[in-house]
């Protein structure tokens, strides 16, 4: 028989255990309600955050291979991951490149289409996480190249502000540096060297190299200058246009004729014998390019910002113009500063659009699109040149993206196809 004291201990112990069980059950009930409330009011929790949301019968995703029709360019290329155990819902697949998440475009259980983020490297680690699956996939090593990058680190603190650019046949870049003359960036070692001393100009707005090595330049003034290496440009231009004219940009055609434009009442054809022919065209033009047998000019004419196409006939004269692309209708308040062509006929605009200052008009003048949205860090394109190969070069104006400031510089852009020929170079 229990004593009275022992009986009291047994009763108290029983009551304590009973109360603890009830409290434990009540606590689990409150926790369950809390989880239901969290899931109902917000996004699903991350995989592995709450064990109750991990499905034990779902295996981890597996990457077997990665396909891409072209080299993967950071922030640009959409690649295909081939494997298994992916989710058919693209929102439930997260693809990481060195820990940076890419943009999932679409998916099936065996493929994921994803745009690579701004990550560059020869050995980028790629892995996949799927919703409600505890473990990441295996790591796949992949190479990602820079699609857009600064070509040379100009030092703005030393006054190195680049403007007009062009290239010689050896791949060296000639660049007008404000207040410092024309410099050359060597193709083999990317070293900045002196080339043509500064003359009376502040900067050059356009530069071209002729087949004999002469350098031609315009500076929004009356005339075109012809220059040679190591020789200070003369005050007087090589050719003078009529009083009150301003030549901002120019290009050569197949017959060595130089076509020049600006804010004038005419387009000018300048021959090597210094004869000048005027063709009526009242406009504020900023850019010109010869492509095949046509002259393309860009600027403001009769209240329309656009591109005009003008045929060059067998005699070297201009025919009737047509409005090739209406910038005002398609991109209001955007102005074109430079134009060039790809080999297959796409027209590339360098504009003042901020952000995304590069625009492409597909061959034939129909549809248009932005070039590499979100990737080209520039507030405005000041100059543009496309030497042999797939790389387009642009001079960008300084740009501030949030807390980051990008100096005025020259960018190399991999277009993944070649540019059109520049004549007489």
Protein backbone atom coordinates (compact mmCIF):
# COMPACT_ATOMS: atom_id res chain seq x y z
CA UNK A 1 0.00 0.00 0.00
CA UNK A 2 1.14 3.54 -0.81
CA UNK A 3 1.54 5.94 1.92
CA UNK A 4 -0.39 9.20 1.66
CA UNK A 5 2.79 10.98 0.56
CA UNK A 6 3.54 8.39 -2.19
CA UNK A 7 -0.05 8.56 -3.41
CA UNK A 8 0.23 12.29 -3.73
CA UNK A 9 3.44 11.99 -5.82
CA UNK A 10 1.83 9.47 -8.21
CA UNK A 11 -1.23 11.66 -8.72
CA UNK A 12 0.86 14.78 -9.31
CA UNK A 13 3.12 12.97 -11.79
CA UNK A 14 0.10 11.69 -13.71
CA UNK A 15 -1.44 15.16 -13.89
CA UNK A 16 1.87 16.72 -15.01
CA UNK A 17 2.33 14.22 -17.86
CA UNK A 18 -1.27 14.69 -18.95
CA UNK A 19 -0.90 18.48 -19.04
CA UNK A 20 2.40 18.24 -20.99
CA UNK A 21 0.80 16.00 -23.63
CA UNK A 22 -2.08 18.40 -24.04
CA UNK A 23 0.31 21.35 -24.25
CA UNK A 24 2.45 19.53 -26.85
CA UNK A 25 -0.60 18.70 -28.98
CA UNK A 26 -1.83 22.28 -28.67
CA UNK A 27 1.60 23.61 -29.69
CA UNK A 28 1.69 21.39 -32.77
CA UNK A 29 -1.77 22.61 -33.69
CA UNK A 30 -0.71 26.27 -33.41
CA UNK A 31 2.46 25.59 -35.47
CA UNK A 32 0.39 23.92 -38.20
CA UNK A 33 -1.97 26.88 -38.33
CA UNK A 34 1.02 29.22 -38.59
CA UNK A 35 2.50 27.31 -41.53
CA UNK A 36 -0.86 27.26 -43.30
CA UNK A 37 -1.16 31.02 -42.78
CA UNK A 38 2.37 31.64 -44.12
CA UNK A 39 1.80 29.54 -47.23
CA UNK A 40 -1.61 31.07 -47.87
CA UNK A 41 -0.45 34.66 -47.56
CA UNK A 42 2.84 34.60 -49.44
CA UNK A 43 5.08 32.75 -51.83
CA UNK A 44 5.89 29.11 -51.31
CA UNK A 45 8.87 28.64 -49.01
CA UNK A 46 12.27 27.83 -50.45
CA UNK A 47 13.04 24.16 -50.94
CA UNK A 48 14.49 22.69 -47.78
CA UNK A 49 13.31 25.55 -45.55
CA UNK A 50 10.49 23.49 -44.07
CA UNK A 51 11.00 19.71 -44.14
CA UNK A 52 7.24 19.16 -44.49
CA UNK A 53 7.47 20.78 -47.96
CA UNK A 54 10.15 18.47 -49.28
CA UNK A 55 8.78 15.57 -51.27
CA UNK A 56 10.85 12.52 -50.43
CA UNK A 57 9.81 10.71 -53.63
CA UNK A 58 11.17 13.48 -55.93
CA UNK A 59 14.79 12.89 -56.95
CA UNK A 60 17.24 15.73 -57.43
CA UNK A 61 17.51 17.27 -60.92
CA UNK A 62 20.35 16.09 -63.13
CA UNK A 63 22.22 18.02 -65.86
CA UNK A 64 23.53 15.75 -68.62
CA UNK A 65 24.59 18.36 -71.20
CA UNK A 66 24.20 21.97 -72.29
CA UNK A 67 23.37 22.96 -75.87
CA UNK A 68 23.81 26.32 -77.59
CA UNK A 69 23.81 27.14 -81.30
CA UNK A 70 26.41 29.85 -80.63
CA UNK A 71 28.96 30.67 -77.99
CA UNK A 72 27.24 31.64 -74.77
CA UNK A 73 27.47 35.39 -74.18
CA UNK A 74 26.90 36.81 -70.71
CA UNK A 75 23.46 38.34 -70.27
CA UNK A 76 22.54 37.55 -73.89
CA UNK A 77 22.50 33.88 -74.96
CA UNK A 78 19.65 31.48 -74.24
CA UNK A 79 21.04 27.99 -73.70
CA UNK A 80 19.36 24.59 -73.29
CA UNK A 81 20.06 22.32 -70.34
CA UNK A 82 19.39 18.66 -71.08
CA UNK A 83 18.82 16.26 -68.21
CA UNK A 84 16.11 14.78 -66.04
CA UNK A 85 13.94 15.42 -63.01
CA UNK A 86 13.27 19.05 -64.01
CA UNK A 87 9.89 20.63 -63.42
CA UNK A 88 7.64 21.21 -66.42
CA UNK A 89 6.73 24.52 -64.80
CA UNK A 90 9.57 26.97 -65.64
CA UNK A 91 8.85 29.00 -62.50
CA UNK A 92 9.83 25.99 -60.41
CA UNK A 93 13.33 25.66 -61.91
CA UNK A 94 16.15 27.91 -60.76
CA UNK A 95 19.41 27.73 -62.73
CA UNK A 96 22.50 29.21 -61.08
CA UNK A 97 25.75 30.25 -62.74
CA UNK A 98 28.49 30.64 -60.13
CA UNK A 99 25.65 31.36 -57.72
CA UNK A 100 23.95 33.95 -59.94
CA UNK A 101 20.47 33.01 -61.07
CA UNK A 102 19.67 33.00 -64.80
CA UNK A 103 16.33 33.81 -66.38
CA UNK A 104 14.36 30.61 -66.99
CA UNK A 105 12.46 30.94 -70.28
CA UNK A 106 10.73 27.56 -70.60
CA UNK A 107 11.12 23.98 -69.47
CA UNK A 108 10.02 20.38 -69.68
CA UNK A 109 10.94 17.52 -67.39
CA UNK A 110 14.09 16.94 -69.47
CA UNK A 111 15.03 20.41 -70.79
CA UNK A 112 15.39 23.93 -69.46
CA UNK A 113 15.82 27.00 -71.67
CA UNK A 114 17.57 29.73 -69.69
CA UNK A 115 19.22 33.08 -70.48
CA UNK A 116 22.66 33.20 -68.92
CA UNK A 117 23.24 36.06 -66.43
CA UNK A 118 26.10 38.57 -66.41
CA UNK A 119 28.71 35.99 -65.44
CA UNK A 120 31.92 35.47 -67.45
CA UNK A 121 34.43 32.64 -67.12
CA UNK A 122 36.02 29.57 -68.69
CA UNK A 123 34.76 27.30 -65.89
CA UNK A 124 31.39 28.61 -64.74
CA UNK A 125 29.60 26.25 -62.35
CA UNK A 126 26.02 25.57 -63.46
CA UNK A 127 23.48 23.84 -61.21
CA UNK A 128 19.72 23.51 -60.94
CA UNK A 129 17.35 23.74 -58.01
CA UNK A 130 13.75 22.55 -58.35
CA UNK A 131 10.90 23.54 -56.08
CA UNK A 132 10.05 21.02 -53.33
CA UNK A 133 13.24 19.08 -54.03
CA UNK A 134 15.76 19.16 -51.22
CA UNK A 135 19.00 18.72 -53.16
CA UNK A 136 20.62 20.69 -55.99
CA UNK A 137 21.58 18.99 -59.22
CA UNK A 138 25.10 17.97 -60.08
CA UNK A 139 27.48 20.79 -61.07
CA UNK A 140 28.12 21.23 -64.80
CA UNK A 141 31.15 23.28 -65.95
CA UNK A 142 30.44 25.68 -68.82
CA UNK A 143 32.21 28.53 -70.64
CA UNK A 144 30.58 31.96 -70.89
CA UNK A 145 32.11 34.83 -72.84
CA UNK A 146 31.61 38.58 -72.49
CA UNK A 147 29.13 39.78 -75.11
CA UNK A 148 29.69 43.43 -74.23
CA UNK A 149 32.82 44.75 -72.59
CA UNK A 150 34.99 47.82 -72.32
CA UNK A 151 37.61 47.55 -75.05
CA UNK A 152 40.29 49.75 -73.49
CA UNK A 153 40.38 51.32 -69.97
CA UNK A 154 40.49 55.00 -70.89
CA UNK A 155 41.42 57.12 -67.86
CA UNK A 156 38.94 59.98 -67.59
CA UNK A 157 40.95 61.40 -64.68
CA UNK A 158 43.75 62.05 -67.18
CA UNK A 159 41.40 63.62 -69.68
CA UNK A 160 41.09 60.53 -71.90
CA UNK A 161 37.61 61.12 -73.32
CA UNK A 162 37.11 59.10 -76.53
CA UNK A 163 34.84 60.28 -79.37
CA UNK A 164 35.09 59.22 -83.03
CA UNK A 165 36.58 55.78 -83.74
CA UNK A 166 37.70 53.85 -86.80
CA UNK A 167 39.96 50.85 -87.54
CA UNK A 168 42.79 50.16 -89.95
CA UNK A 169 43.25 46.92 -91.88
CA UNK A 170 45.53 45.51 -89.16
CA UNK A 171 42.79 45.81 -86.56
CA UNK A 172 44.25 48.82 -84.74
CA UNK A 173 41.71 51.30 -83.44
CA UNK A 174 42.12 55.01 -84.12
CA UNK A 175 40.28 57.12 -81.59
CA UNK A 176 39.81 60.85 -81.20
CA UNK A 177 40.60 61.83 -77.62
CA UNK A 178 39.16 65.18 -76.60
CA UNK A 179 41.94 67.81 -76.32
CA UNK A 180 44.65 65.16 -76.92
CA UNK A 181 44.47 64.42 -80.64
CA UNK A 182 44.07 61.06 -82.37
CA UNK A 183 45.50 58.04 -80.57
CA UNK A 184 45.88 54.44 -81.66
CA UNK A 185 45.02 51.35 -79.61
CA UNK A 186 47.15 48.49 -80.90
CA UNK A 187 45.33 45.29 -81.77
CA UNK A 188 48.02 42.93 -80.51
CA UNK A 189 48.65 44.40 -77.05
CA UNK A 190 45.86 46.98 -76.49
CA UNK A 191 48.35 49.77 -75.78
CA UNK A 192 47.35 53.41 -76.25
CA UNK A 193 49.90 55.30 -78.37
CA UNK A 194 50.22 58.69 -80.02
CA UNK A 195 49.20 58.77 -83.67
CA UNK A 196 48.15 62.23 -84.93
CA UNK A 197 48.86 65.28 -82.73
CA UNK A 198 46.08 67.62 -81.72
CA UNK A 199 45.37 70.49 -84.10
CA UNK A 200 42.78 73.23 -83.83
CA UNK A 201 40.01 70.73 -83.17
CA UNK A 202 38.56 69.92 -79.77
CA UNK A 203 37.56 66.48 -80.97
CA UNK A 204 36.69 64.67 -84.20
CA UNK A 205 33.07 63.60 -84.78
CA UNK A 206 33.90 61.12 -87.55
CA UNK A 207 37.05 59.36 -88.74
CA UNK A 208 37.84 57.09 -91.70
CA UNK A 209 41.07 55.59 -93.01
CA UNK A 210 41.51 55.58 -96.79
CA UNK A 211 43.16 52.71 -98.65
CA UNK A 212 46.47 54.62 -98.92
CA UNK A 213 46.63 55.21 -95.15
CA UNK A 214 45.35 58.80 -95.12
CA UNK A 215 43.01 59.61 -92.26
CA UNK A 216 39.92 61.69 -93.00
CA UNK A 217 38.04 63.56 -90.30
CA UNK A 218 35.05 65.84 -89.73
CA UNK A 219 34.31 67.98 -86.69
CA UNK A 220 30.89 69.59 -87.25
CA UNK A 221 32.52 72.37 -89.18
CA UNK A 222 32.84 73.58 -92.75
CA UNK A 223 34.84 70.98 -94.64
CA UNK A 224 36.68 67.66 -94.37
CA UNK A 225 40.27 67.26 -93.14
CA UNK A 226 42.83 64.81 -94.49
CA UNK A 227 45.61 63.83 -92.08
CA UNK A 228 48.75 61.70 -91.85
CA UNK A 229 50.41 59.92 -88.97
CA UNK A 230 52.60 62.12 -86.70
CA UNK A 231 51.62 65.31 -88.58
CA UNK A 232 49.59 68.02 -86.84
CA UNK A 233 46.38 68.72 -88.81
CA UNK A 234 46.28 72.01 -90.65
CA UNK A 235 43.82 74.72 -89.68
CA UNK A 236 42.42 74.75 -93.20
CA UNK A 237 40.44 71.66 -94.29
CA UNK A 238 41.34 69.40 -97.20
CA UNK A 239 38.10 70.41 -98.91
CA UNK A 240 35.86 73.37 -98.10
CA UNK A 241 32.07 73.30 -98.43
CA UNK A 242 29.88 76.39 -98.90
CA UNK A 243 29.65 79.02 -96.18
CA UNK A 244 27.21 78.16 -93.38
CA UNK A 245 27.46 74.40 -93.84
CA UNK A 246 28.43 71.91 -91.15
CA UNK A 247 29.70 68.42 -91.91
CA UNK A 248 29.29 65.98 -89.05
CA UNK A 249 29.58 62.54 -90.64
CA UNK A 250 30.77 61.01 -93.93
CA UNK A 251 31.37 57.70 -95.69
CA UNK A 252 33.01 56.48 -98.91
CA UNK A 253 31.33 54.64 -101.77
CA UNK A 254 32.79 52.09 -104.19
CA UNK A 255 34.11 54.83 -106.49
CA UNK A 256 36.16 56.72 -103.85
CA UNK A 257 33.49 59.40 -103.57
CA UNK A 258 33.07 60.81 -100.09
CA UNK A 259 29.46 61.49 -99.01
CA UNK A 260 29.10 64.06 -96.22
CA UNK A 261 26.11 65.23 -94.17
CA UNK A 262 25.24 67.63 -91.37
CA UNK A 263 22.67 70.31 -90.54
CA UNK A 264 22.43 71.66 -94.06
CA UNK A 265 20.22 72.11 -97.09
CA UNK A 266 22.30 69.63 -99.09
CA UNK A 267 24.02 66.27 -99.08
CA UNK A 268 27.56 66.63 -100.44
CA UNK A 269 29.52 64.33 -102.74
CA UNK A 270 33.25 65.06 -102.64
CA UNK A 271 35.59 63.54 -105.19
CA UNK A 272 39.29 62.97 -104.71
CA UNK A 273 39.96 65.83 -107.15
CA UNK A 274 38.21 68.11 -104.57
CA UNK A 275 35.16 68.75 -106.76
CA UNK A 276 31.97 69.07 -104.72
CA UNK A 277 28.44 68.20 -105.87
CA UNK A 278 25.39 69.30 -103.87
CA UNK A 279 22.12 67.35 -103.69
CA UNK A 280 19.14 69.19 -102.15
CA UNK A 281 18.13 67.63 -98.82
CA UNK A 282 16.99 70.02 -96.10
CA UNK A 283 17.54 68.23 -92.78
CA UNK A 284 19.54 68.06 -89.58
CA UNK A 285 21.51 64.94 -90.36
CA UNK A 286 23.87 63.21 -87.95
CA UNK A 287 24.90 60.01 -89.71
CA UNK A 288 25.49 58.55 -93.16
CA UNK A 289 26.41 55.09 -94.48
CA UNK A 290 26.85 53.61 -97.94
CA UNK A 291 25.49 50.06 -98.20
CA UNK A 292 25.59 48.24 -101.52
CA UNK A 293 24.37 50.84 -104.07
CA UNK A 294 22.38 53.02 -101.70
CA UNK A 295 23.08 55.97 -99.45
CA UNK A 296 21.46 55.96 -96.01
CA UNK A 297 21.18 59.16 -93.97
CA UNK A 298 19.85 59.61 -90.43
CA UNK A 299 18.46 62.65 -88.68
CA UNK A 300 15.53 65.05 -88.50
CA UNK A 301 13.68 66.01 -91.68
CA UNK A 302 10.31 67.76 -91.90
CA UNK A 303 9.53 66.96 -88.27
CA UNK A 304 10.36 63.24 -88.64
CA UNK A 305 13.34 61.60 -86.98
CA UNK A 306 14.25 58.75 -89.26
CA UNK A 307 16.44 57.01 -91.82
CA UNK A 308 16.21 57.79 -95.52
CA UNK A 309 17.40 55.49 -98.29
CA UNK A 310 18.62 57.12 -101.50
CA UNK A 311 19.81 55.09 -104.52
CA UNK A 312 23.16 55.93 -106.13
CA UNK A 313 22.84 55.53 -109.91
CA UNK A 314 25.44 54.40 -112.42
CA UNK A 315 26.65 57.98 -112.85
CA UNK A 316 27.23 58.37 -109.12
CA UNK A 317 24.25 60.68 -108.65
CA UNK A 318 21.47 60.41 -106.10
CA UNK A 319 18.01 59.24 -107.02
CA UNK A 320 14.72 59.75 -105.20
CA UNK A 321 14.77 59.26 -101.44
CA UNK A 322 12.40 57.09 -99.48
CA UNK A 323 11.76 57.02 -95.75
CA UNK A 324 13.36 53.73 -94.77
CA UNK A 325 12.51 53.79 -91.07
CA UNK A 326 10.39 56.22 -89.06
CA UNK A 327 12.05 56.62 -85.68
CA UNK A 328 9.45 59.15 -84.51
CA UNK A 329 6.60 56.65 -84.86
CA UNK A 330 8.46 53.66 -83.45
CA UNK A 331 10.68 55.25 -80.79
CA UNK A 332 9.36 58.73 -79.87
CA UNK A 333 11.95 61.26 -78.67
CA UNK A 334 14.85 59.02 -79.71
CA UNK A 335 17.55 60.55 -81.91
CA UNK A 336 20.07 58.68 -84.05
CA UNK A 337 23.76 59.55 -83.72
CA UNK A 338 25.40 56.78 -85.76
CA UNK A 339 24.42 54.00 -88.16
CA UNK A 340 26.03 50.96 -89.74
CA UNK A 341 25.03 47.63 -91.35
CA UNK A 342 25.60 43.96 -90.80
CA UNK A 343 26.69 41.97 -93.82
CA UNK A 344 23.19 40.51 -94.21
CA UNK A 345 21.53 43.93 -94.33
CA UNK A 346 20.36 44.64 -90.79
CA UNK A 347 20.66 48.34 -89.93
CA UNK A 348 22.18 49.19 -86.54
CA UNK A 349 21.36 52.50 -84.87
CA UNK A 350 23.40 54.16 -82.15
CA UNK A 351 20.97 56.48 -80.39
CA UNK A 352 20.35 58.58 -77.28
CA UNK A 353 17.80 56.08 -75.95
CA UNK A 354 18.39 55.52 -72.25
CA UNK A 355 18.55 52.71 -71.36
CA UNK A 356 19.17 50.37 -74.29
CA UNK A 357 20.63 52.82 -76.84
CA UNK A 358 21.22 50.30 -79.65
CA UNK A 359 18.36 49.53 -82.07
CA UNK A 360 18.27 47.11 -85.00
CA UNK A 361 16.04 47.43 -88.05
CA UNK A 362 15.85 44.13 -89.87
CA UNK A 363 16.82 43.95 -93.54
CA UNK A 364 14.15 45.54 -95.71
CA UNK A 365 13.14 48.18 -93.15
CA UNK A 366 10.35 46.22 -91.50
CA UNK A 367 10.56 45.08 -87.90
CA UNK A 368 12.89 46.54 -85.29
CA UNK A 369 14.20 45.44 -81.91
CA UNK A 370 16.56 46.51 -79.15
CA UNK A 371 20.06 45.10 -79.22
CA UNK A 372 20.83 43.14 -76.04
CA UNK A 373 18.36 44.85 -73.67
CA UNK A 374 19.78 45.61 -70.23
CA UNK A 375 23.35 44.71 -71.21
CA UNK A 376 24.78 47.78 -72.98
CA UNK A 377 25.59 50.30 -70.25
CA UNK A 378 25.44 53.64 -72.04
CA UNK A 379 23.27 56.74 -71.93
CA UNK A 380 24.06 57.59 -75.56
CA UNK A 381 26.12 56.31 -78.49
CA UNK A 382 28.59 58.90 -79.78
CA UNK A 383 30.38 56.97 -82.55
CA UNK A 384 30.28 53.52 -84.10
CA UNK A 385 32.47 51.35 -86.34
CA UNK A 386 32.29 47.70 -87.41
CA UNK A 387 35.64 46.32 -88.65
CA UNK A 388 36.06 42.85 -90.16
CA UNK A 389 34.50 40.16 -88.01
CA UNK A 390 31.63 39.91 -85.57
CA UNK A 391 32.60 42.73 -83.20
CA UNK A 392 30.88 46.11 -83.37
CA UNK A 393 32.63 48.96 -81.54
CA UNK A 394 30.82 51.93 -80.04
CA UNK A 395 31.80 55.01 -78.10
CA UNK A 396 29.39 55.34 -75.21
CA UNK A 397 28.65 58.48 -73.25
CA UNK A 398 29.04 58.30 -69.47
CA UNK A 399 26.21 56.41 -67.79
CA UNK A 400 24.93 56.00 -64.24
CA UNK A 401 23.06 52.82 -63.37
CA UNK A 402 21.86 53.18 -59.80
CA UNK A 403 24.97 53.52 -57.64
CA UNK A 404 27.35 52.56 -60.47
CA UNK A 405 28.84 55.11 -62.87
CA UNK A 406 30.36 54.05 -66.19
CA UNK A 407 32.85 56.44 -67.78
CA UNK A 408 32.78 57.58 -71.38
CA UNK A 409 34.57 54.77 -73.16
CA UNK A 410 34.66 52.40 -76.14
CA UNK A 411 32.74 49.12 -75.91
CA UNK A 412 33.18 45.95 -77.92
CA UNK A 413 29.89 44.21 -78.76
CA UNK A 414 29.81 40.66 -80.12
CA UNK A 415 26.98 40.69 -82.68
CA UNK A 416 27.58 37.02 -83.59
CA UNK A 417 27.69 37.84 -87.31
CA UNK A 418 29.93 40.01 -89.51
CA UNK A 419 29.48 43.66 -90.45
CA UNK A 420 29.14 45.10 -93.95
CA UNK A 421 32.14 46.29 -95.92
CA UNK A 422 33.44 49.83 -95.64
CA UNK A 423 34.54 50.90 -99.10
CA UNK A 424 38.02 52.17 -100.02
CA UNK A 425 39.66 51.13 -96.82
